[in-house]
Amino acid sequence: MTISKNLREIVLDTETTGLSHVNGDRIVDVACVELINHIPTGNTYQVYINPEREMQQEAVAISGITNKFLVGKPLFHEIVDDFLEFIQDSALVIHNAKFDIGFLNSEMARLDKPQFSMKNTIDTLEMARKKFPGSPASLDALCKRFEIDTSARTKHGALIDCFLLAEVYINLLGGRQSDLSFHNDNPAAGALAGVKKTKARHVKRYFAVSENEKTSHEEFLKTIHNPIWKQ
């Protein structure tokens, strides 16, 4: 899919009961993060889902989501309309898109709803393999490559993985940094605790320069040989 510089994109991730939707595994956690011009807006969607089947132990170990936790959570057909309304017709940014799209389409087929198209999907796994051939391309490996802090991520949660993937995606596009600093009233703020940008953000100075600072600056300028501003 051709990536436009000016469009709404949705970073998407799921957690599931197991690895095979063909064998009946279901989605238990789906999350989305909205990007405008490749920058997170703070607009998110996340919901846990009762899969109507048992979690596999391997999946519990990865996500930390247990069968007990999922009791009483909504069924997929109860959340699908809100989910689709959030996504609209936006391009989906997914790591290993065939996995998530396969699960989503399996859920959609159960409800006789239209299928998601891979043509409207940007697969960051494929992007990483093309950009760094032969190198590890998992989300964890890419976070390490781009020095993205994952210390807050003790388990694979769909929402925090979306924010990490948004950072990875922006770096794969060329390194323009997104702003993951949200206000405390943002529902995603908790999930972002410890998720740091790879470059420091300079805070605007609201106080005057002191006389000592001016003097120190002038003394420092004297040490510069043939400065460009005097050429």
C-alpha atoms as a PDB file:
ATOM      1  CA  MET A   1       0.000   0.000   0.000  1.00  0.00           C
ATOM      2  CA  THR A   2       1.301   3.501  -0.849  1.00  0.00           C
ATOM      3  CA  ILE A   3       1.797   5.596   2.280  1.00  0.00           C
ATOM      4  CA  SER A   4       0.445   9.128   2.012  1.00  0.00           C
ATOM      5  CA  LYS A   5       1.922  12.015   3.970  1.00  0.00           C
ATOM      6  CA  ASN A   6      -1.506  13.390   4.854  1.00  0.00           C
ATOM      7  CA  LEU A   7      -3.992  10.831   6.043  1.00  0.00           C
ATOM      8  CA  ARG A   8      -5.677   9.302   9.034  1.00  0.00           C
ATOM      9  CA  GLU A   9      -4.186   5.967  10.002  1.00  0.00           C
ATOM     10  CA  ILE A  10      -5.109   3.532  12.748  1.00  0.00           C
ATOM     11  CA  VAL A  11      -2.410   1.557  14.548  1.00  0.00           C
ATOM     12  CA  LEU A  12      -4.106  -1.703  15.538  1.00  0.00           C
ATOM     13  CA  ASP A  13      -3.234  -4.692  17.703  1.00  0.00           C
ATOM     14  CA  THR A  14      -5.081  -7.689  19.103  1.00  0.00           C
ATOM     15  CA  GLU A  15      -4.578 -10.304  21.782  1.00  0.00           C
ATOM     16  CA  THR A  16      -6.121 -13.727  21.208  1.00  0.00           C
ATOM     17  CA  THR A  17      -6.917 -17.031  22.927  1.00  0.00           C
ATOM     18  CA  GLY A  18      -4.292 -18.777  20.791  1.00  0.00           C
ATOM     19  CA  LEU A  19      -2.437 -18.640  17.504  1.00  0.00           C
ATOM     20  CA  SER A  20      -4.957 -20.115  15.046  1.00  0.00           C
ATOM     21  CA  HIS A  21      -8.290 -18.571  14.140  1.00  0.00           C
ATOM     22  CA  VAL A  22      -8.729 -21.510  11.746  1.00  0.00           C
ATOM     23  CA  ASN A  23      -8.835 -23.786  14.788  1.00  0.00           C
ATOM     24  CA  GLY A  24     -11.349 -21.561  16.537  1.00  0.00           C
ATOM     25  CA  ASP A  25      -9.174 -19.162  18.520  1.00  0.00           C
ATOM     26  CA  ARG A  26     -10.816 -15.797  19.169  1.00  0.00           C
ATOM     27  CA  ILE A  27      -9.918 -12.162  19.915  1.00  0.00           C
ATOM     28  CA  VAL A  28      -9.880 -11.166  23.599  1.00  0.00           C
ATOM     29  CA  ASP A  29      -8.370  -7.666  23.393  1.00  0.00           C
ATOM     30  CA  VAL A  30      -8.415  -5.171  20.527  1.00  0.00           C
ATOM     31  CA  ALA A  31      -6.914  -1.685  20.587  1.00  0.00           C
ATOM     32  CA  CYS A  32      -6.423   1.191  18.179  1.00  0.00           C
ATOM     33  CA  VAL A  33      -4.421   4.414  18.224  1.00  0.00           C
ATOM     34  CA  GLU A  34      -5.281   7.201  15.809  1.00  0.00           C
ATOM     35  CA  LEU A  35      -2.532   8.890  13.776  1.00  0.00           C
ATOM     36  CA  ILE A  36      -2.971  12.080  11.777  1.00  0.00           C
ATOM     37  CA  ASN A  37      -0.040  12.848   9.492  1.00  0.00           C
ATOM     38  CA  HIS A  38       1.803   9.987  11.245  1.00  0.00           C
ATOM     39  CA  ILE A  39       1.418  11.624  14.684  1.00  0.00           C
ATOM     40  CA  PRO A  40      -0.638  10.121  17.551  1.00  0.00           C
ATOM     41  CA  THR A  41      -3.593  12.387  18.370  1.00  0.00           C
ATOM     42  CA  GLY A  42      -4.421  10.837  21.754  1.00  0.00           C
ATOM     43  CA  ASN A  43      -7.633   9.394  20.328  1.00  0.00           C
ATOM     44  CA  THR A  44      -7.721   5.686  21.192  1.00  0.00           C
ATOM     45  CA  TYR A  45     -10.023   2.675  21.277  1.00  0.00           C
ATOM     46  CA  GLN A  46      -9.570  -0.411  23.453  1.00  0.00           C
ATOM     47  CA  VAL A  47     -11.880  -3.160  24.673  1.00  0.00           C
ATOM     48  CA  TYR A  48     -11.592  -6.614  26.226  1.00  0.00           C
ATOM     49  CA  ILE A  49     -13.844  -9.278  24.713  1.00  0.00           C
ATOM     50  CA  ASN A  50     -15.340 -12.501  26.037  1.00  0.00           C
ATOM     51  CA  PRO A  51     -14.142 -15.063  23.447  1.00  0.00           C
ATOM     52  CA  GLU A  52     -16.679 -17.716  24.435  1.00  0.00           C
ATOM     53  CA  ARG A  53     -13.859 -20.232  24.738  1.00  0.00           C
ATOM     54  CA  GLU A  54     -10.920 -20.964  27.039  1.00  0.00           C
ATOM     55  CA  MET A  55      -7.623 -19.105  26.851  1.00  0.00           C
ATOM     56  CA  GLN A  56      -4.630 -21.298  25.991  1.00  0.00           C
ATOM     57  CA  GLN A  57      -1.945 -21.253  28.680  1.00  0.00           C
ATOM     58  CA  GLU A  58       0.650 -19.963  26.192  1.00  0.00           C
ATOM     59  CA  ALA A  59      -1.600 -16.989  25.436  1.00  0.00           C
ATOM     60  CA  VAL A  60      -2.157 -16.294  29.152  1.00  0.00           C
ATOM     61  CA  ALA A  61       1.613 -16.273  29.692  1.00  0.00           C
ATOM     62  CA  ILE A  62       2.051 -13.702  26.904  1.00  0.00           C
ATOM     63  CA  SER A  63      -0.841 -11.333  27.632  1.00  0.00           C
ATOM     64  CA  GLY A  64      -1.618 -11.974  31.287  1.00  0.00           C
ATOM     65  CA  ILE A  65      -5.316 -12.143  30.338  1.00  0.00           C
ATOM     66  CA  THR A  66      -7.053 -14.973  32.185  1.00  0.00           C
ATOM     67  CA  ASN A  67     -10.356 -16.760  31.703  1.00  0.00           C
ATOM     68  CA  LYS A  68     -11.565 -15.347  35.024  1.00  0.00           C
ATOM     69  CA  PHE A  69     -10.764 -11.796  33.913  1.00  0.00           C
ATOM     70  CA  LEU A  70     -12.808 -12.221  30.721  1.00  0.00           C
ATOM     71  CA  VAL A  71     -15.979 -13.346  32.493  1.00  0.00           C
ATOM     72  CA  GLY A  72     -18.654 -10.695  31.968  1.00  0.00           C
ATOM     73  CA  LYS A  73     -16.762  -8.870  29.225  1.00  0.00           C
ATOM     74  CA  PRO A  74     -18.802  -8.002  26.089  1.00  0.00           C
ATOM     75  CA  LEU A  75     -19.029 -10.389  23.147  1.00  0.00           C
ATOM     76  CA  PHE A  76     -17.551  -9.361  19.802  1.00  0.00           C
ATOM     77  CA  HIS A  77     -20.950  -8.716  18.241  1.00  0.00           C
ATOM     78  CA  GLU A  78     -21.656  -6.234  21.050  1.00  0.00           C
ATOM     79  CA  ILE A  79     -18.604  -4.090  20.322  1.00  0.00           C
ATOM     80  CA  VAL A  80     -18.214  -4.465  16.561  1.00  0.00           C
ATOM     81  CA  ASP A  81     -20.222  -1.372  15.571  1.00  0.00           C
ATOM     82  CA  ASP A  82     -18.247   0.944  17.885  1.00  0.00           C
ATOM     83  CA  PHE A  83     -15.024  -0.676  16.690  1.00  0.00           C
ATOM     84  CA  LEU A  84     -15.863  -0.129  13.017  1.00  0.00           C
ATOM     85  CA  GLU A  85     -17.030   3.416  13.694  1.00  0.00           C
ATOM     86  CA  PHE A  86     -13.647   4.234  15.220  1.00  0.00           C
ATOM     87  CA  ILE A  87     -11.689   2.715  12.333  1.00  0.00           C
ATOM     88  CA  GLN A  88     -13.914   4.087   9.549  1.00  0.00           C
ATOM     89  CA  ASP A  89     -12.115   3.661   6.218  1.00  0.00           C
ATOM     90  CA  SER A  90      -8.646   4.538   7.560  1.00  0.00           C
ATOM     91  CA  ALA A  91      -5.514   2.601   6.661  1.00  0.00           C
ATOM     92  CA  LEU A  92      -4.556   0.067   9.338  1.00  0.00           C
ATOM     93  CA  VAL A  93      -0.964  -0.048  10.617  1.00  0.00           C
ATOM     94  CA  ILE A  94      -0.312  -3.538  12.010  1.00  0.00           C
ATOM     95  CA  HIS A  95       2.756  -5.592  12.897  1.00  0.00           C
ATOM     96  CA  ASN A  96       2.399  -8.961  11.174  1.00  0.00           C
ATOM     97  CA  ALA A  97      -0.867  -7.873   9.585  1.00  0.00           C
ATOM     98  CA  LYS A  98      -1.854 -11.317   8.268  1.00  0.00           C
ATOM     99  CA  PHE A  99      -2.244 -12.549  11.851  1.00  0.00           C
ATOM    100  CA  ASP A 100      -4.517  -9.740  13.095  1.00  0.00           C
ATOM    101  CA  ILE A 101      -6.469  -9.406   9.848  1.00  0.00           C
ATOM    102  CA  GLY A 102      -7.026 -13.163   9.836  1.00  0.00           C
ATOM    103  CA  PHE A 103      -8.530 -13.020  13.320  1.00  0.00           C
ATOM    104  CA  LEU A 104     -10.598  -9.923  12.555  1.00  0.00           C
ATOM    105  CA  ASN A 105     -11.989 -11.457   9.380  1.00  0.00           C
ATOM    106  CA  SER A 106     -12.818 -14.633  11.250  1.00  0.00           C
ATOM    107  CA  GLU A 107     -14.872 -12.588  13.717  1.00  0.00           C
ATOM    108  CA  MET A 108     -16.490 -10.597  10.903  1.00  0.00           C
ATOM    109  CA  ALA A 109     -17.431 -13.782   9.034  1.00  0.00           C
ATOM    110  CA  ARG A 110     -19.316 -15.039  12.082  1.00  0.00           C
ATOM    111  CA  LEU A 111     -21.478 -11.919  11.876  1.00  0.00           C
ATOM    112  CA  ASP A 112     -21.814 -11.861   8.063  1.00  0.00           C
ATOM    113  CA  LYS A 113     -20.022  -8.509   7.941  1.00  0.00           C
ATOM    114  CA  PRO A 114     -17.629  -7.284   5.222  1.00  0.00           C
ATOM    115  CA  GLN A 115     -14.037  -8.497   5.408  1.00  0.00           C
ATOM    116  CA  PHE A 116     -10.989  -6.323   6.014  1.00  0.00           C
ATOM    117  CA  SER A 117      -8.691  -5.990   3.003  1.00  0.00           C
ATOM    118  CA  MET A 118      -4.929  -6.377   3.160  1.00  0.00           C
ATOM    119  CA  LYS A 119      -4.786  -3.642   0.498  1.00  0.00           C
ATOM    120  CA  ASN A 120      -5.815  -1.131   3.151  1.00  0.00           C
ATOM    121  CA  THR A 121      -3.159  -2.365   5.568  1.00  0.00           C
ATOM    122  CA  ILE A 122       0.418  -1.236   6.227  1.00  0.00           C
ATOM    123  CA  ASP A 123       2.446  -4.133   7.635  1.00  0.00           C
ATOM    124  CA  THR A 124       5.334  -2.841   9.749  1.00  0.00           C
ATOM    125  CA  LEU A 125       6.837  -6.336   9.852  1.00  0.00           C
ATOM    126  CA  GLU A 126       7.258  -6.243   6.065  1.00  0.00           C
ATOM    127  CA  MET A 127       8.563  -2.672   6.264  1.00  0.00           C
ATOM    128  CA  ALA A 128      11.191  -3.706   8.827  1.00  0.00           C
ATOM    129  CA  ARG A 129      12.305  -6.741   6.828  1.00  0.00           C
ATOM    130  CA  LYS A 130      12.786  -4.583   3.736  1.00  0.00           C
ATOM    131  CA  LYS A 131      14.638  -1.864   5.630  1.00  0.00           C
ATOM    132  CA  PHE A 132      16.786  -4.208   7.737  1.00  0.00           C
ATOM    133  CA  PRO A 133      17.075  -7.458   5.753  1.00  0.00           C
ATOM    134  CA  GLY A 134      18.299 -10.397   7.805  1.00  0.00           C
ATOM    135  CA  SER A 135      17.832  -8.593  11.141  1.00  0.00           C
ATOM    136  CA  PRO A 136      15.293  -9.461  13.857  1.00  0.00           C
ATOM    137  CA  ALA A 137      12.010  -7.731  13.083  1.00  0.00           C
ATOM    138  CA  SER A 138       9.782  -8.453  16.065  1.00  0.00           C
ATOM    139  CA  LEU A 139       8.200  -5.501  17.852  1.00  0.00           C
ATOM    140  CA  ASP A 140      10.570  -6.006  20.787  1.00  0.00           C
ATOM    141  CA  ALA A 141      13.606  -6.117  18.489  1.00  0.00           C
ATOM    142  CA  LEU A 142      12.541  -2.941  16.694  1.00  0.00           C
ATOM    143  CA  CYS A 143      11.912  -1.114  19.962  1.00  0.00           C
ATOM    144  CA  LYS A 144      15.444  -2.049  20.983  1.00  0.00           C
ATOM    145  CA  ARG A 145      16.850  -0.913  17.625  1.00  0.00           C
ATOM    146  CA  PHE A 146      15.132   2.478  17.878  1.00  0.00           C
ATOM    147  CA  GLU A 147      15.858   2.836  21.630  1.00  0.00           C
ATOM    148  CA  ILE A 148      12.172   2.937  22.575  1.00  0.00           C
ATOM    149  CA  ASP A 149      11.646   2.284  26.280  1.00  0.00           C
ATOM    150  CA  THR A 150       9.507  -0.810  26.907  1.00  0.00           C
ATOM    151  CA  SER A 151       9.996  -1.006  30.682  1.00  0.00           C
ATOM    152  CA  ALA A 152       6.298  -0.357  31.376  1.00  0.00           C
ATOM    153  CA  ARG A 153       5.330  -3.359  29.266  1.00  0.00           C
ATOM    154  CA  THR A 154       5.504  -6.423  31.497  1.00  0.00           C
ATOM    155  CA  LYS A 155       2.888  -8.230  29.378  1.00  0.00           C
ATOM    156  CA  HIS A 156       1.652  -7.893  25.802  1.00  0.00           C
ATOM    157  CA  GLY A 157      -1.363  -5.578  26.097  1.00  0.00           C
ATOM    158  CA  ALA A 158      -2.985  -4.429  22.853  1.00  0.00           C
ATOM    159  CA  LEU A 159      -3.122  -0.717  23.731  1.00  0.00           C
ATOM    160  CA  ILE A 160       0.441  -0.268  24.967  1.00  0.00           C
ATOM    161  CA  ASP A 161       1.666  -2.354  22.020  1.00  0.00           C
ATOM    162  CA  CYS A 162      -0.178   0.057  19.720  1.00  0.00           C
ATOM    163  CA  PHE A 163       1.690   3.015  21.190  1.00  0.00           C
ATOM    164  CA  LEU A 164       5.019   1.212  20.900  1.00  0.00           C
ATOM    165  CA  LEU A 165       4.183   0.248  17.327  1.00  0.00           C
ATOM    166  CA  ALA A 166       3.287   3.850  16.505  1.00  0.00           C
ATOM    167  CA  GLU A 167       6.813   4.872  17.582  1.00  0.00           C
ATOM    168  CA  VAL A 168       8.344   2.024  15.581  1.00  0.00           C
ATOM    169  CA  TYR A 169       6.275   2.930  12.514  1.00  0.00           C
ATOM    170  CA  ILE A 170       7.370   6.568  12.629  1.00  0.00           C
ATOM    171  CA  ASN A 171      11.000   5.492  12.911  1.00  0.00           C
ATOM    172  CA  LEU A 172      10.578   3.105   9.985  1.00  0.00           C
ATOM    173  CA  LEU A 173       9.232   6.002   7.941  1.00  0.00           C
ATOM    174  CA  GLY A 174      12.386   7.991   8.623  1.00  0.00           C
ATOM    175  CA  GLY A 175      12.571   8.883  12.263  1.00  0.00           C
ATOM    176  CA  ARG A 176      10.258  11.839  12.703  1.00  0.00           C
ATOM    177  CA  GLN A 177       9.318  11.639  16.352  1.00  0.00           C
ATOM    178  CA  SER A 178       5.734  11.509  17.494  1.00  0.00           C
ATOM    179  CA  ASP A 179       4.537  13.265  20.623  1.00  0.00           C
ATOM    180  CA  LEU A 180       3.502  10.639  23.169  1.00  0.00           C
ATOM    181  CA  SER A 181       3.134  13.207  25.960  1.00  0.00           C
ATOM    182  CA  PHE A 182      -0.561  13.218  26.798  1.00  0.00           C
ATOM    183  CA  HIS A 183      -2.388  15.093  29.502  1.00  0.00           C
ATOM    184  CA  ASN A 184      -3.349  13.202  32.661  1.00  0.00           C
ATOM    185  CA  ASP A 185      -7.028  13.265  31.671  1.00  0.00           C
ATOM    186  CA  ASN A 186      -6.276  11.227  28.554  1.00  0.00           C
ATOM    187  CA  PRO A 187      -7.504   7.641  29.046  1.00  0.00           C
ATOM    188  CA  ALA A 188      -4.325   6.341  27.414  1.00  0.00           C
ATOM    189  CA  ALA A 189      -1.977   8.147  29.771  1.00  0.00           C
ATOM    190  CA  GLY A 190      -1.733   5.216  32.180  1.00  0.00           C
ATOM    191  CA  ALA A 191      -0.836   2.789  29.426  1.00  0.00           C
ATOM    192  CA  LEU A 192       1.942   5.114  28.325  1.00  0.00           C
ATOM    193  CA  ALA A 193       3.712   5.301  31.673  1.00  0.00           C
ATOM    194  CA  GLY A 194       7.364   4.613  30.935  1.00  0.00           C
ATOM    195  CA  VAL A 195       6.981   4.769  27.149  1.00  0.00           C
ATOM    196  CA  LYS A 196       9.595   7.347  26.242  1.00  0.00           C
ATOM    197  CA  LYS A 197      10.363   9.106  23.022  1.00  0.00           C
ATOM    198  CA  THR A 198      13.762   8.474  21.504  1.00  0.00           C
ATOM    199  CA  LYS A 199      14.655  12.169  21.498  1.00  0.00           C
ATOM    200  CA  ALA A 200      14.280  14.733  24.260  1.00  0.00           C
ATOM    201  CA  ARG A 201      11.580  17.338  23.919  1.00  0.00           C
ATOM    202  CA  HIS A 202      12.738  20.900  24.612  1.00  0.00           C
ATOM    203  CA  VAL A 203      10.481  22.781  27.013  1.00  0.00           C
ATOM    204  CA  LYS A 204       9.816  26.447  26.268  1.00  0.00           C
ATOM    205  CA  ARG A 205      11.570  28.808  28.676  1.00  0.00           C
ATOM    206  CA  TYR A 206       9.238  31.295  30.367  1.00  0.00           C
ATOM    207  CA  PHE A 207      11.755  33.321  32.421  1.00  0.00           C
ATOM    208  CA  ALA A 208      14.394  35.912  31.530  1.00  0.00           C
ATOM    209  CA  VAL A 209      18.092  35.225  31.134  1.00  0.00           C
ATOM    210  CA  SER A 210      20.050  36.319  34.210  1.00  0.00           C
ATOM    211  CA  GLU A 211      23.037  38.681  34.104  1.00  0.00           C
ATOM    212  CA  ASN A 212      25.347  35.845  35.192  1.00  0.00           C
ATOM    213  CA  GLU A 213      24.089  33.719  32.295  1.00  0.00           C
ATOM    214  CA  LYS A 214      24.659  36.585  29.855  1.00  0.00           C
ATOM    215  CA  THR A 215      28.217  37.077  31.127  1.00  0.00           C
ATOM    216  CA  SER A 216      28.974  33.351  30.951  1.00  0.00           C
ATOM    217  CA  HIS A 217      27.593  33.211  27.414  1.00  0.00           C
ATOM    218  CA  GLU A 218      29.720  36.167  26.282  1.00  0.00           C
ATOM    219  CA  GLU A 219      32.834  34.584  27.797  1.00  0.00           C
ATOM    220  CA  PHE A 220      32.056  31.320  26.022  1.00  0.00           C
ATOM    221  CA  LEU A 221      31.663  33.102  22.657  1.00  0.00           C
ATOM    222  CA  LYS A 222      35.164  34.556  23.039  1.00  0.00           C
ATOM    223  CA  THR A 223      36.593  31.039  23.027  1.00  0.00           C
ATOM    224  CA  ILE A 224      35.195  30.242  19.565  1.00  0.00           C
ATOM    225  CA  HIS A 225      37.762  30.822  16.797  1.00  0.00           C
ATOM    226  CA  ASN A 226      36.488  32.503  13.624  1.00  0.00           C
ATOM    227  CA  PRO A 227      32.742  32.055  14.347  1.00  0.00           C
ATOM    228  CA  ILE A 228      30.480  31.678  11.323  1.00  0.00           C
ATOM    229  CA  TRP A 229      28.307  34.654  12.338  1.00  0.00           C
ATOM    230  CA  LYS A 230      31.342  36.993  11.833  1.00  0.00           C
ATOM    231  CA  GLN A 231      32.262  35.657   8.399  1.00  0.00           C
END
